[in-house]
C-alpha atoms as a PDB file:
ATOM      1  CA  MET A   1      -0.289  -0.025   0.144  1.00  0.00           C
ATOM      2  CA  LYS A   2       2.764   2.457   0.866  1.00  0.00           C
ATOM      3  CA  VAL A   3       4.450   1.776  -2.394  1.00  0.00           C
ATOM      4  CA  THR A   4       1.092   2.695  -4.406  1.00  0.00           C
ATOM      5  CA  GLN A   5       0.935   5.756  -2.444  1.00  0.00           C
ATOM      6  CA  MET A   6       5.111   6.767  -3.242  1.00  0.00           C
ATOM      7  CA  ASN A   7       4.460   5.875  -6.875  1.00  0.00           C
ATOM      8  CA  THR A   8       0.947   8.074  -7.266  1.00  0.00           C
ATOM      9  CA  ARG A   9       2.750  11.380  -5.300  1.00  0.00           C
ATOM     10  CA  MET A  10       5.740  10.697  -7.672  1.00  0.00           C
ATOM     11  CA  TRP A  11       3.482  10.658 -10.775  1.00  0.00           C
ATOM     12  CA  TYR A  12       1.703  13.847  -9.601  1.00  0.00           C
ATOM     13  CA  ALA A  13       4.847  15.634  -8.485  1.00  0.00           C
ATOM     14  CA  LEU A  14       6.008  14.772 -12.564  1.00  0.00           C
ATOM     15  CA  LEU A  15       2.615  15.900 -13.779  1.00  0.00           C
ATOM     16  CA  GLY A  16       3.087  19.201 -12.038  1.00  0.00           C
ATOM     17  CA  LEU A  17       6.724  19.788 -12.834  1.00  0.00           C
ATOM     18  CA  PHE A  18       5.736  19.154 -16.738  1.00  0.00           C
ATOM     19  CA  THR A  19       2.809  21.380 -16.409  1.00  0.00           C
ATOM     20  CA  VAL A  20       5.259  24.111 -15.269  1.00  0.00           C
ATOM     21  CA  LEU A  21       7.644  23.644 -17.971  1.00  0.00           C
ATOM     22  CA  ILE A  22       4.728  23.843 -20.550  1.00  0.00           C
ATOM     23  CA  LEU A  23       3.374  27.075 -19.160  1.00  0.00           C
ATOM     24  CA  SER A  24       6.514  28.623 -18.446  1.00  0.00           C
ATOM     25  CA  ALA A  25       7.449  28.146 -22.784  1.00  0.00           C
ATOM     26  CA  CYS A  26       3.997  29.778 -23.655  1.00  0.00           C
ATOM     27  CA  GLY A  27       5.249  32.990 -22.652  1.00  0.00           C
ATOM     28  CA  LYS A  28       6.028  35.777 -25.153  1.00  0.00           C
ATOM     29  CA  LYS A  29       9.500  36.553 -25.396  1.00  0.00           C
ATOM     30  CA  GLU A  30      10.050  40.386 -26.025  1.00  0.00           C
ATOM     31  CA  GLU A  31      12.334  40.996 -29.091  1.00  0.00           C
ATOM     32  CA  GLY A  32      15.374  42.498 -29.000  1.00  0.00           C
ATOM     33  CA  ILE A  33      17.006  45.375 -31.068  1.00  0.00           C
ATOM     34  CA  GLY A  34      20.046  45.395 -33.175  1.00  0.00           C
ATOM     35  CA  ARG A  35      21.535  42.548 -35.084  1.00  0.00           C
ATOM     36  CA  TYR A  36      20.579  39.125 -33.352  1.00  0.00           C
ATOM     37  CA  GLY A  37      18.604  41.141 -30.494  1.00  0.00           C
ATOM     38  CA  MET A  38      21.774  42.043 -28.676  1.00  0.00           C
ATOM     39  CA  LEU A  39      22.007  45.761 -28.716  1.00  0.00           C
ATOM     40  CA  ASP A  40      22.824  47.182 -25.232  1.00  0.00           C
ATOM     41  CA  GLU A  41      20.031  49.616 -23.676  1.00  0.00           C
ATOM     42  CA  SER A  42      22.589  51.902 -22.759  1.00  0.00           C
ATOM     43  CA  THR A  43      24.074  52.922 -26.237  1.00  0.00           C
ATOM     44  CA  PRO A  44      23.018  55.601 -28.668  1.00  0.00           C
ATOM     45  CA  GLU A  45      22.448  52.766 -31.452  1.00  0.00           C
ATOM     46  CA  TYR A  46      19.352  51.279 -29.167  1.00  0.00           C
ATOM     47  CA  THR A  47      18.114  54.734 -28.301  1.00  0.00           C
ATOM     48  CA  THR A  48      18.215  55.279 -32.484  1.00  0.00           C
ATOM     49  CA  VAL A  49      16.736  51.821 -33.347  1.00  0.00           C
ATOM     50  CA  ALA A  50      14.076  52.355 -30.834  1.00  0.00           C
ATOM     51  CA  PHE A  51      13.112  55.681 -31.862  1.00  0.00           C
ATOM     52  CA  LEU A  52      12.754  54.798 -35.355  1.00  0.00           C
ATOM     53  CA  LYS A  53      10.869  51.212 -34.631  1.00  0.00           C
ATOM     54  CA  SER A  54       8.465  53.613 -32.933  1.00  0.00           C
ATOM     55  CA  VAL A  55       7.885  55.807 -35.781  1.00  0.00           C
ATOM     56  CA  TYR A  56       7.483  53.136 -38.334  1.00  0.00           C
ATOM     57  CA  GLU A  57       5.683  50.216 -36.297  1.00  0.00           C
ATOM     58  CA  ASP A  58       4.133  51.997 -33.391  1.00  0.00           C
ATOM     59  CA  ASP A  59       0.358  53.124 -33.378  1.00  0.00           C
ATOM     60  CA  ASN A  60       1.390  56.554 -31.821  1.00  0.00           C
ATOM     61  CA  LEU A  61       4.390  58.583 -31.063  1.00  0.00           C
ATOM     62  CA  ASP A  62       4.717  58.088 -27.152  1.00  0.00           C
ATOM     63  CA  THR A  63       7.815  55.702 -27.325  1.00  0.00           C
ATOM     64  CA  ALA A  64       9.288  58.369 -29.781  1.00  0.00           C
ATOM     65  CA  ILE A  65       8.854  61.280 -27.972  1.00  0.00           C
ATOM     66  CA  SER A  66      10.057  59.579 -24.970  1.00  0.00           C
ATOM     67  CA  LEU A  67      13.234  58.862 -26.786  1.00  0.00           C
ATOM     68  CA  SER A  68      13.506  62.654 -27.889  1.00  0.00           C
ATOM     69  CA  SER A  69      15.319  65.484 -26.650  1.00  0.00           C
ATOM     70  CA  GLU A  70      12.975  68.222 -25.388  1.00  0.00           C
ATOM     71  CA  LYS A  71      13.409  70.251 -28.777  1.00  0.00           C
ATOM     72  CA  LEU A  72      12.803  67.287 -31.017  1.00  0.00           C
ATOM     73  CA  SER A  73       9.765  66.136 -28.860  1.00  0.00           C
ATOM     74  CA  ARG A  74       8.116  69.395 -29.327  1.00  0.00           C
ATOM     75  CA  ILE A  75       8.419  68.930 -33.180  1.00  0.00           C
ATOM     76  CA  LEU A  76       7.092  65.351 -33.113  1.00  0.00           C
ATOM     77  CA  THR A  77       3.886  66.565 -30.945  1.00  0.00           C
ATOM     78  CA  ARG A  78       3.053  68.800 -33.534  1.00  0.00           C
ATOM     79  CA  TYR A  79       3.386  66.283 -36.160  1.00  0.00           C
ATOM     80  CA  HIS A  80       0.688  64.508 -34.564  1.00  0.00           C
ATOM     81  CA  THR A  81       0.703  61.216 -36.451  1.00  0.00           C
ATOM     82  CA  ASN A  82       3.585  58.620 -37.008  1.00  0.00           C
ATOM     83  CA  SER A  83       2.778  59.005 -40.808  1.00  0.00           C
ATOM     84  CA  ASN A  84       3.366  62.883 -40.775  1.00  0.00           C
ATOM     85  CA  VAL A  85       6.619  62.165 -38.949  1.00  0.00           C
ATOM     86  CA  GLN A  86       7.417  59.786 -41.637  1.00  0.00           C
ATOM     87  CA  ARG A  87       6.406  62.048 -44.479  1.00  0.00           C
ATOM     88  CA  HIS A  88       8.058  65.510 -43.036  1.00  0.00           C
ATOM     89  CA  LEU A  89      10.497  64.644 -40.693  1.00  0.00           C
ATOM     90  CA  LEU A  90      12.298  61.549 -42.178  1.00  0.00           C
ATOM     91  CA  ASN A  91      11.105  62.215 -45.720  1.00  0.00           C
ATOM     92  CA  LEU A  92      11.200  58.640 -46.137  1.00  0.00           C
ATOM     93  CA  LYS A  93       7.824  56.350 -46.090  1.00  0.00           C
ATOM     94  CA  TYR A  94       7.529  52.520 -45.416  1.00  0.00           C
ATOM     95  CA  ASP A  95       4.811  49.896 -45.112  1.00  0.00           C
ATOM     96  CA  THR A  96       7.689  47.543 -43.675  1.00  0.00           C
ATOM     97  CA  VAL A  97      11.177  48.279 -42.691  1.00  0.00           C
ATOM     98  CA  THR A  98      14.272  46.738 -41.124  1.00  0.00           C
ATOM     99  CA  ILE A  99      16.362  49.274 -39.319  1.00  0.00           C
ATOM    100  CA  THR A 100      20.362  48.406 -39.008  1.00  0.00           C
ATOM    101  CA  PRO A 101      22.621  50.827 -37.141  1.00  0.00           C
ATOM    102  CA  GLN A 102      25.874  51.257 -38.928  1.00  0.00           C
ATOM    103  CA  SER A 103      28.885  50.923 -36.692  1.00  0.00           C
ATOM    104  CA  ALA A 104      31.544  50.300 -38.623  1.00  0.00           C
ATOM    105  CA  GLY A 105      34.943  51.150 -37.593  1.00  0.00           C
ATOM    106  CA  ARG A 106      33.324  52.543 -34.299  1.00  0.00           C
ATOM    107  CA  VAL A 107      35.235  51.234 -31.325  1.00  0.00           C
ATOM    108  CA  GLY A 108      35.236  53.519 -28.468  1.00  0.00           C
ATOM    109  CA  ARG A 109      33.457  54.227 -25.354  1.00  0.00           C
ATOM    110  CA  ASN A 110      30.066  55.712 -25.285  1.00  0.00           C
ATOM    111  CA  GLU A 111      29.635  55.815 -21.584  1.00  0.00           C
ATOM    112  CA  PHE A 112      31.760  58.909 -21.582  1.00  0.00           C
ATOM    113  CA  ALA A 113      30.474  60.649 -24.721  1.00  0.00           C
ATOM    114  CA  GLU A 114      27.706  63.250 -24.136  1.00  0.00           C
ATOM    115  CA  LYS A 115      26.748  63.646 -27.883  1.00  0.00           C
ATOM    116  CA  SER A 116      26.959  61.043 -30.840  1.00  0.00           C
ATOM    117  CA  THR A 117      25.604  60.716 -34.329  1.00  0.00           C
ATOM    118  CA  ILE A 118      24.490  57.482 -35.755  1.00  0.00           C
ATOM    119  CA  THR A 119      23.794  56.431 -39.224  1.00  0.00           C
ATOM    120  CA  VAL A 120      21.077  53.772 -39.759  1.00  0.00           C
ATOM    121  CA  PHE A 121      20.365  51.707 -43.082  1.00  0.00           C
ATOM    122  CA  LEU A 122      16.749  51.719 -43.690  1.00  0.00           C
ATOM    123  CA  SER A 123      15.232  48.856 -46.061  1.00  0.00           C
ATOM    124  CA  GLY A 124      11.890  47.934 -46.483  1.00  0.00           C
ATOM    125  CA  THR A 125       8.937  48.599 -49.093  1.00  0.00           C
ATOM    126  CA  TYR A 126       6.272  51.319 -49.587  1.00  0.00           C
ATOM    127  CA  ASN A 127       3.478  50.266 -52.292  1.00  0.00           C
ATOM    128  CA  ASP A 128       5.424  47.072 -53.286  1.00  0.00           C
ATOM    129  CA  ASP A 129       8.434  49.124 -54.121  1.00  0.00           C
ATOM    130  CA  LYS A 130      11.739  48.306 -52.454  1.00  0.00           C
ATOM    131  CA  ILE A 131      13.412  51.465 -50.919  1.00  0.00           C
ATOM    132  CA  GLU A 132      17.023  51.607 -49.350  1.00  0.00           C
ATOM    133  CA  ASP A 133      17.823  54.611 -47.685  1.00  0.00           C
ATOM    134  CA  LEU A 134      20.344  56.234 -45.025  1.00  0.00           C
ATOM    135  CA  ARG A 135      19.568  58.494 -42.200  1.00  0.00           C
ATOM    136  CA  SER A 136      21.696  60.276 -39.646  1.00  0.00           C
ATOM    137  CA  LEU A 137      20.678  60.990 -36.384  1.00  0.00           C
ATOM    138  CA  ASP A 138      22.124  63.197 -33.667  1.00  0.00           C
ATOM    139  CA  LEU A 139      21.813  61.949 -30.042  1.00  0.00           C
ATOM    140  CA  ILE A 140      22.510  63.741 -26.610  1.00  0.00           C
ATOM    141  CA  LYS A 141      23.085  62.468 -23.260  1.00  0.00           C
ATOM    142  CA  GLU A 142      20.450  63.934 -20.791  1.00  0.00           C
ATOM    143  CA  ASP A 143      20.057  62.628 -17.524  1.00  0.00           C
ATOM    144  CA  GLY A 144      22.604  59.487 -18.159  1.00  0.00           C
ATOM    145  CA  GLU A 145      20.220  58.371 -21.020  1.00  0.00           C
ATOM    146  CA  TRP A 146      20.625  58.991 -24.735  1.00  0.00           C
ATOM    147  CA  LYS A 147      17.733  61.227 -26.672  1.00  0.00           C
ATOM    148  CA  VAL A 148      17.476  61.710 -30.279  1.00  0.00           C
ATOM    149  CA  ASN A 149      18.218  65.465 -30.647  1.00  0.00           C
ATOM    150  CA  LYS A 150      18.038  65.703 -34.507  1.00  0.00           C
ATOM    151  CA  VAL A 151      17.380  63.797 -38.098  1.00  0.00           C
ATOM    152  CA  HIS A 152      19.527  64.513 -40.964  1.00  0.00           C
ATOM    153  CA  PRO A 153      18.540  63.938 -44.338  1.00  0.00           C
ATOM    154  CA  ASP A 154      20.595  61.493 -46.583  1.00  0.00           C
ATOM    155  CA  ALA A 155      23.770  62.968 -46.620  1.00  0.00           C
ATOM    156  CA  TYR A 156      25.129  60.789 -49.821  1.00  0.00           C
ATOM    157  CA  LEU A 157      22.504  62.600 -52.237  1.00  0.00           C
END
């Protein structure tokens, strides 16, 4: 009789463990930013990509405004919609877009810097046309966090 009770408890324990493993695997994993999703949140590249993802993929500009300097956040607020920011501030519209920061030859320590200029490669489609372009964004450090301060048009045209 004791062996049967012990076997029953062991099966309940295994069933409970299996249930916990299955349920923990069902959680949605947050998508990282940058190549392989491993861009560090304290870098200006992370802020740049998060800002542009917000402009091109979110329903509103709240995240982009929170990642902007006071000057740029006033400008974004005046445009009201993501579509207007894409059209007027970035002069680049996409239906789908992939954003890649260009960091070739940049080996340095951004933790002590107060300003940074990040160039991003944008590749995507708009009305079934493939569009690839570059944009440079100026960032400043405010209260220990990187904020987008200015968006430059394509410097290579």
